[in-house]
Amino acid sequence: MSTVSARAAAPSHSANKSIRFLIGVDGGGTGTRLRLSDRQGRPLGVGEAGPSALGQGVEQAWRHVQQACVAACSQAGLEALDLSECAIGLGLSGATIVEQAQAFLNLQPGYAQVLLDNDGFTTVLGAHGGKPGAVVASGTGAVGEALREDGGRVLVSGWGWVTGDEGSGAWLGIKAMRHAQQAMDGRVAAGALARAVWAETGPERDQLAAWVATAGQHAYAGLAPLVFEVAAQDAVAQGFVDEAAAELEKLAHALDPSGRLPLALCGSVARRLAGHFSGTIRARCVEPQGDSADGALLMIGRALTEMGL
């Protein structure tokens, strides 16, 4: 499956200005990470803010990107940037949905160049330094992406937490909540996992129902650590851990059936499950060289070079 890659036109007032700064952004359902560098790619500062997944709203995404940019400038000892002197690359969750991506680009606040792609692709670029490779990324959500030796791209999973993202934190949290509900009803025995969920939400039925009524992707992902914490003493939790590993292993095989590409595991859940993968998958695993924000910086830097800027 192909991914979305879109570039916004530079505002006319910036046409005669040179680009002085590069910005790389990694944005997902939990938070935003941003790296600021000079035009030569030398790091200047980093910043973080709230989520910038496009499915949570494009206005929120830009707001949090700009907040992270302010934090990076502060760390670098810089005043507010002139956006017309900046080129920004963004790897954002939800960028594969054309309507969301275009709505986001339509609101760009004045950067000289904007390059948007999904966070899976920028994660691949960062993990393998721009060279061919595959990534299984699982944190709040889950996605797999590969950059082939011929330059082709493969995208697997990343369908979103409501119907997909198997093996992700939100997916584990939903399974934990379903189990806790069944245990509260007496449909299954209440073990360590059910009790841990009740401790998080409140032990009464109305408290559990109220938690579910307002919970989103981030809240469900927040239950995932409970599954890992009690797995050694709770067979249900251990089963969920094993199932998550199996789902991510299927993702890895679908990305690269030949098994030739180096594979990086990214995200808190994927890295925590590394020891559960089969020997053939573990043999392909390499340490990531960088993260998605690094990949976004690499992406925008390459684009400027191709444009002769």
Protein backbone atom coordinates (compact mmCIF):
# COMPACT_ATOMS: atom_id res chain seq x y z
CA MET A 1 0.00 0.00 0.00
CA SER A 2 1.32 3.42 -0.88
CA THR A 3 1.51 6.26 1.60
CA VAL A 4 0.65 9.93 1.37
CA SER A 5 3.43 12.39 0.68
CA ALA A 6 2.34 15.98 0.28
CA ARG A 7 4.09 19.31 0.14
CA ALA A 8 2.51 22.68 0.80
CA ALA A 9 3.51 25.61 -1.39
CA ALA A 10 5.60 28.29 0.28
CA PRO A 11 3.81 31.56 1.04
CA SER A 12 4.64 34.21 -1.55
CA HIS A 13 6.23 36.55 0.98
CA SER A 14 8.95 33.97 1.74
CA ALA A 15 10.01 33.44 -1.85
CA ASN A 16 13.09 35.65 -1.58
CA LYS A 17 14.23 34.39 1.81
CA SER A 18 16.77 31.64 2.33
CA ILE A 19 16.01 28.69 4.56
CA ARG A 20 18.03 28.92 7.77
CA PHE A 21 16.44 26.22 9.92
CA LEU A 22 15.19 22.65 9.52
CA ILE A 23 12.52 21.13 11.74
CA GLY A 24 11.64 17.46 12.09
CA VAL A 25 8.43 16.38 13.81
CA ASP A 26 7.14 13.04 15.08
CA GLY A 27 3.47 13.22 15.99
CA GLY A 28 1.19 10.53 17.32
CA GLY A 29 -1.81 9.92 19.53
CA THR A 30 0.09 10.50 22.76
CA GLY A 31 2.54 13.29 22.06
CA THR A 32 4.65 15.34 19.68
CA ARG A 33 8.47 15.37 19.51
CA LEU A 34 10.31 17.98 17.52
CA ARG A 35 13.95 18.49 16.57
CA LEU A 36 15.35 21.82 15.42
CA SER A 37 18.57 22.08 13.44
CA ASP A 38 20.41 24.62 11.35
CA ARG A 39 20.45 24.39 7.57
CA GLN A 40 23.45 22.05 7.68
CA GLY A 41 21.60 19.66 9.99
CA ARG A 42 23.47 20.51 13.19
CA PRO A 43 21.13 19.98 16.18
CA LEU A 44 20.01 23.07 18.05
CA GLY A 45 17.14 22.02 20.32
CA VAL A 46 14.31 19.60 21.00
CA GLY A 47 10.76 20.17 22.13
CA GLU A 48 7.72 18.16 23.17
CA ALA A 49 4.00 18.83 23.35
CA GLY A 50 0.65 17.06 23.32
CA PRO A 51 -0.65 14.72 20.61
CA SER A 52 -0.63 15.69 16.95
CA ALA A 53 -2.27 12.65 15.38
CA LEU A 54 -4.40 14.07 12.58
CA GLY A 55 -7.39 11.97 13.59
CA GLN A 56 -7.63 14.01 16.78
CA GLY A 57 -8.01 17.25 14.81
CA VAL A 58 -5.76 19.21 12.47
CA GLU A 59 -6.04 22.41 14.50
CA GLN A 60 -4.82 20.58 17.59
CA ALA A 61 -2.01 19.04 15.58
CA TRP A 62 -0.67 22.43 14.45
CA ARG A 63 -1.13 23.88 17.93
CA HIS A 64 0.99 21.16 19.50
CA VAL A 65 3.60 21.29 16.73
CA GLN A 66 3.98 25.02 17.34
CA GLN A 67 4.17 24.51 21.11
CA ALA A 68 6.94 21.95 20.63
CA CYS A 69 8.72 24.37 18.30
CA VAL A 70 8.62 27.11 20.96
CA ALA A 71 10.13 24.66 23.47
CA ALA A 72 12.91 23.72 21.04
CA CYS A 73 13.70 27.38 20.38
CA SER A 74 13.87 28.06 24.11
CA GLN A 75 16.31 25.20 24.58
CA ALA A 76 18.40 26.52 21.69
CA GLY A 77 18.43 30.03 23.15
CA LEU A 78 16.61 31.45 20.14
CA GLU A 79 13.84 34.00 19.90
CA ALA A 80 10.68 33.03 18.05
CA LEU A 81 11.55 31.77 14.57
CA ASP A 82 10.63 33.49 11.34
CA LEU A 83 8.68 30.60 9.83
CA SER A 84 9.41 31.85 6.32
CA GLU A 85 13.05 30.90 6.98
CA CYS A 86 12.16 27.38 8.14
CA ALA A 87 11.49 24.11 6.34
CA ILE A 88 9.53 21.53 8.31
CA GLY A 89 9.17 17.79 7.78
CA LEU A 90 6.43 16.00 9.68
CA GLY A 91 5.74 12.34 10.27
CA LEU A 92 2.22 12.31 11.67
CA SER A 93 -0.20 9.56 12.51
CA GLY A 94 -3.18 9.79 10.17
CA ALA A 95 -1.29 11.34 7.26
CA THR A 96 -2.24 8.39 5.03
CA ILE A 97 -5.82 9.71 4.98
CA VAL A 98 -5.79 12.19 2.11
CA GLU A 99 -8.56 14.43 3.45
CA GLN A 100 -6.88 14.77 6.84
CA ALA A 101 -3.49 15.41 5.31
CA GLN A 102 -4.81 18.11 2.97
CA ALA A 103 -6.78 19.80 5.74
CA PHE A 104 -3.61 19.93 7.81
CA LEU A 105 -1.54 21.37 4.98
CA ASN A 106 -4.21 23.98 4.26
CA LEU A 107 -3.66 25.38 7.75
CA GLN A 108 0.12 25.56 7.62
CA PRO A 109 1.10 28.81 9.39
CA GLY A 110 3.72 30.14 6.98
CA TYR A 111 6.68 27.75 6.77
CA ALA A 112 8.82 28.13 3.65
CA GLN A 113 8.46 24.42 2.90
CA VAL A 114 6.26 21.76 4.46
CA LEU A 115 6.62 18.04 3.79
CA LEU A 116 4.11 15.69 5.39
CA ASP A 117 4.19 11.91 5.52
CA ASN A 118 3.01 9.25 7.93
CA ASP A 119 4.97 8.56 11.09
CA GLY A 120 5.73 5.01 9.97
CA PHE A 121 7.78 6.26 7.03
CA THR A 122 9.73 8.81 9.07
CA THR A 123 10.37 6.10 11.65
CA VAL A 124 11.88 3.89 8.93
CA LEU A 125 14.09 6.75 7.72
CA GLY A 126 15.28 7.52 11.23
CA ALA A 127 15.80 3.91 12.27
CA HIS A 128 17.91 3.00 9.23
CA GLY A 129 19.53 6.34 8.43
CA GLY A 130 17.56 6.66 5.21
CA LYS A 131 18.67 3.26 3.90
CA PRO A 132 16.41 0.27 3.09
CA GLY A 133 14.95 -1.44 6.12
CA ALA A 134 11.77 -2.30 7.97
CA VAL A 135 10.23 -1.07 11.18
CA VAL A 136 7.61 -2.51 13.49
CA ALA A 137 6.45 0.38 15.63
CA SER A 138 4.09 -0.22 18.54
CA GLY A 139 3.33 2.26 21.28
CA THR A 140 -0.08 3.86 21.64
CA GLY A 141 -0.86 2.56 18.13
CA ALA A 142 0.86 0.08 15.85
CA VAL A 143 2.16 0.28 12.31
CA GLY A 144 4.77 -1.38 10.16
CA GLU A 145 6.59 0.18 7.26
CA ALA A 146 9.43 -0.89 5.01
CA LEU A 147 11.64 0.93 2.54
CA ARG A 148 12.70 -1.58 -0.12
CA GLU A 149 16.02 -1.68 -1.90
CA ASP A 150 14.32 -0.50 -5.12
CA GLY A 151 12.87 2.51 -3.32
CA GLY A 152 9.38 1.04 -3.02
CA ARG A 153 7.44 1.35 0.20
CA VAL A 154 5.22 -1.08 2.10
CA LEU A 155 2.71 -0.09 4.78
CA VAL A 156 1.08 -2.68 7.05
CA SER A 157 -1.42 -2.17 9.89
CA GLY A 158 -1.89 1.36 11.22
CA TRP A 159 -5.65 1.12 10.66
CA GLY A 160 -6.42 2.95 13.89
CA TRP A 161 -7.21 1.92 17.41
CA VAL A 162 -10.95 1.37 16.96
CA THR A 163 -10.71 -1.49 14.47
CA GLY A 164 -7.01 -2.33 14.19
CA ASP A 165 -3.54 -1.55 15.53
CA GLU A 166 -3.24 -5.10 16.83
CA GLY A 167 -0.35 -5.48 19.25
CA SER A 168 -0.44 -1.82 20.30
CA GLY A 169 -0.84 -0.27 23.72
CA ALA A 170 -4.43 0.79 23.04
CA TRP A 171 -5.25 -2.70 21.73
CA LEU A 172 -3.84 -4.29 24.91
CA GLY A 173 -5.75 -1.80 27.05
CA ILE A 174 -9.05 -2.61 25.35
CA LYS A 175 -8.48 -6.32 25.93
CA ALA A 176 -7.68 -5.63 29.59
CA MET A 177 -10.85 -3.57 29.98
CA ARG A 178 -13.03 -6.25 28.39
CA HIS A 179 -11.60 -8.79 30.79
CA ALA A 180 -12.19 -6.49 33.76
CA GLN A 181 -15.83 -5.99 32.73
CA GLN A 182 -16.39 -9.73 32.39
CA ALA A 183 -14.77 -10.32 35.77
CA MET A 184 -16.99 -7.69 37.39
CA ASP A 185 -20.03 -9.51 35.99
CA GLY A 186 -18.78 -12.86 37.26
CA ARG A 187 -18.49 -14.24 33.74
CA VAL A 188 -14.80 -15.00 34.35
CA ALA A 189 -12.69 -15.27 37.48
CA ALA A 190 -11.20 -12.05 38.80
CA GLY A 191 -7.42 -12.24 38.87
CA ALA A 192 -4.56 -9.80 39.17
CA LEU A 193 -5.28 -8.10 35.86
CA ALA A 194 -8.95 -7.40 36.58
CA ARG A 195 -8.08 -6.05 40.02
CA ALA A 196 -5.36 -3.82 38.55
CA VAL A 197 -7.84 -2.33 36.08
CA TRP A 198 -10.40 -1.76 38.83
CA ALA A 199 -7.76 0.00 40.90
CA GLU A 200 -7.22 2.35 37.97
CA THR A 201 -10.85 3.06 37.19
CA GLY A 202 -12.63 2.50 40.50
CA PRO A 203 -14.00 -0.81 41.79
CA GLU A 204 -17.73 -0.16 41.23
CA ARG A 205 -19.71 -0.85 38.07
CA ASP A 206 -20.76 2.78 37.63
CA GLN A 207 -17.13 3.90 37.98
CA LEU A 208 -16.01 1.42 35.34
CA ALA A 209 -18.80 2.49 33.02
CA ALA A 210 -17.97 6.17 33.51
CA TRP A 211 -14.30 5.54 32.67
CA VAL A 212 -15.22 3.74 29.46
CA ALA A 213 -17.67 6.49 28.47
CA THR A 214 -14.91 9.08 28.25
CA ALA A 215 -11.89 6.94 27.37
CA GLY A 216 -10.02 7.40 24.11
CA GLN A 217 -6.95 5.89 22.53
CA HIS A 218 -4.53 7.42 25.01
CA ALA A 219 -6.53 6.27 28.04
CA TYR A 220 -6.72 2.68 26.81
CA ALA A 221 -3.00 2.68 26.04
CA GLY A 222 -2.45 3.77 29.63
CA LEU A 223 -3.81 0.39 30.76
CA ALA A 224 -1.23 -1.55 28.75
CA PRO A 225 1.53 -1.34 31.40
CA LEU A 226 -0.81 -3.11 33.82
CA VAL A 227 -0.92 -6.11 31.48
CA PHE A 228 2.86 -6.39 31.51
CA GLU A 229 3.14 -5.77 35.24
CA VAL A 230 0.87 -8.66 36.25
CA ALA A 231 1.66 -11.11 33.43
CA ALA A 232 3.92 -13.25 35.62
CA GLN A 233 1.07 -13.91 38.06
CA ASP A 234 -1.97 -13.76 35.81
CA ALA A 235 -2.47 -16.25 32.99
CA VAL A 236 -4.95 -14.00 31.19
CA ALA A 237 -2.49 -11.11 31.12
CA GLN A 238 0.28 -13.42 29.95
CA GLY A 239 -1.97 -14.63 27.17
CA PHE A 240 -2.55 -11.04 26.05
CA VAL A 241 1.21 -10.43 26.01
CA ASP A 242 1.78 -13.54 23.92
CA GLU A 243 -1.01 -12.55 21.54
CA ALA A 244 0.43 -9.05 21.12
CA ALA A 245 3.82 -10.51 20.22
CA ALA A 246 2.20 -12.85 17.70
CA GLU A 247 0.34 -9.94 16.08
CA LEU A 248 3.50 -7.87 15.72
CA GLU A 249 5.37 -10.87 14.35
CA LYS A 250 2.69 -11.29 11.68
CA LEU A 251 3.15 -7.62 10.87
CA ALA A 252 6.91 -8.11 10.45
CA HIS A 253 6.42 -11.07 8.10
CA ALA A 254 3.87 -9.17 6.00
CA LEU A 255 6.29 -6.24 5.64
CA ASP A 256 9.15 -8.34 4.33
CA PRO A 257 8.24 -11.98 3.53
CA SER A 258 11.76 -12.58 2.20
CA GLY A 259 13.30 -11.64 5.54
CA ARG A 260 16.19 -9.79 3.86
CA LEU A 261 15.67 -6.30 5.27
CA PRO A 262 17.06 -5.30 8.67
CA LEU A 263 14.24 -4.84 11.16
CA ALA A 264 14.03 -2.21 13.90
CA LEU A 265 11.57 -2.39 16.77
CA CYS A 266 10.34 1.04 17.82
CA GLY A 267 7.91 2.19 20.46
CA SER A 268 7.54 1.15 24.09
CA VAL A 269 5.34 -1.89 23.45
CA ALA A 270 7.36 -3.31 20.54
CA ARG A 271 10.61 -3.00 22.44
CA ARG A 272 9.08 -4.57 25.54
CA LEU A 273 7.91 -7.52 23.45
CA ALA A 274 11.26 -8.03 21.69
CA GLY A 275 12.17 -11.08 23.74
CA HIS A 276 8.88 -12.78 22.85
CA PHE A 277 9.54 -12.88 19.11
CA SER A 278 10.73 -16.02 17.34
CA GLY A 279 14.41 -16.55 16.69
CA THR A 280 14.09 -15.75 12.98
CA ILE A 281 12.63 -12.32 13.76
CA ARG A 282 15.12 -11.57 16.53
CA ALA A 283 18.01 -12.45 14.20
CA ARG A 284 16.94 -9.66 11.84
CA CYS A 285 16.58 -7.02 14.54
CA VAL A 286 18.96 -4.07 14.68
CA GLU A 287 19.11 -1.11 17.02
CA PRO A 288 17.47 2.00 15.54
CA GLN A 289 19.97 4.65 14.50
CA GLY A 290 17.47 7.41 15.24
CA ASP A 291 13.80 8.10 15.83
CA SER A 292 10.90 9.39 13.77
CA ALA A 293 11.80 13.04 14.36
CA ASP A 294 15.31 12.29 13.04
CA GLY A 295 13.68 10.68 10.03
CA ALA A 296 11.49 13.73 9.45
CA LEU A 297 14.59 15.94 9.50
CA LEU A 298 16.27 13.64 7.01
CA MET A 299 13.16 13.70 4.82
CA ILE A 300 12.92 17.48 4.62
CA GLY A 301 16.68 17.86 4.17
CA ARG A 302 16.67 15.48 1.21
CA ALA A 303 13.68 17.25 -0.32
CA LEU A 304 15.41 20.61 -0.17
CA THR A 305 18.49 19.15 -1.81
CA GLU A 306 16.35 17.66 -4.60
CA MET A 307 14.72 21.07 -5.09
CA GLY A 308 18.12 22.79 -5.18
CA LEU A 309 17.31 24.90 -2.12
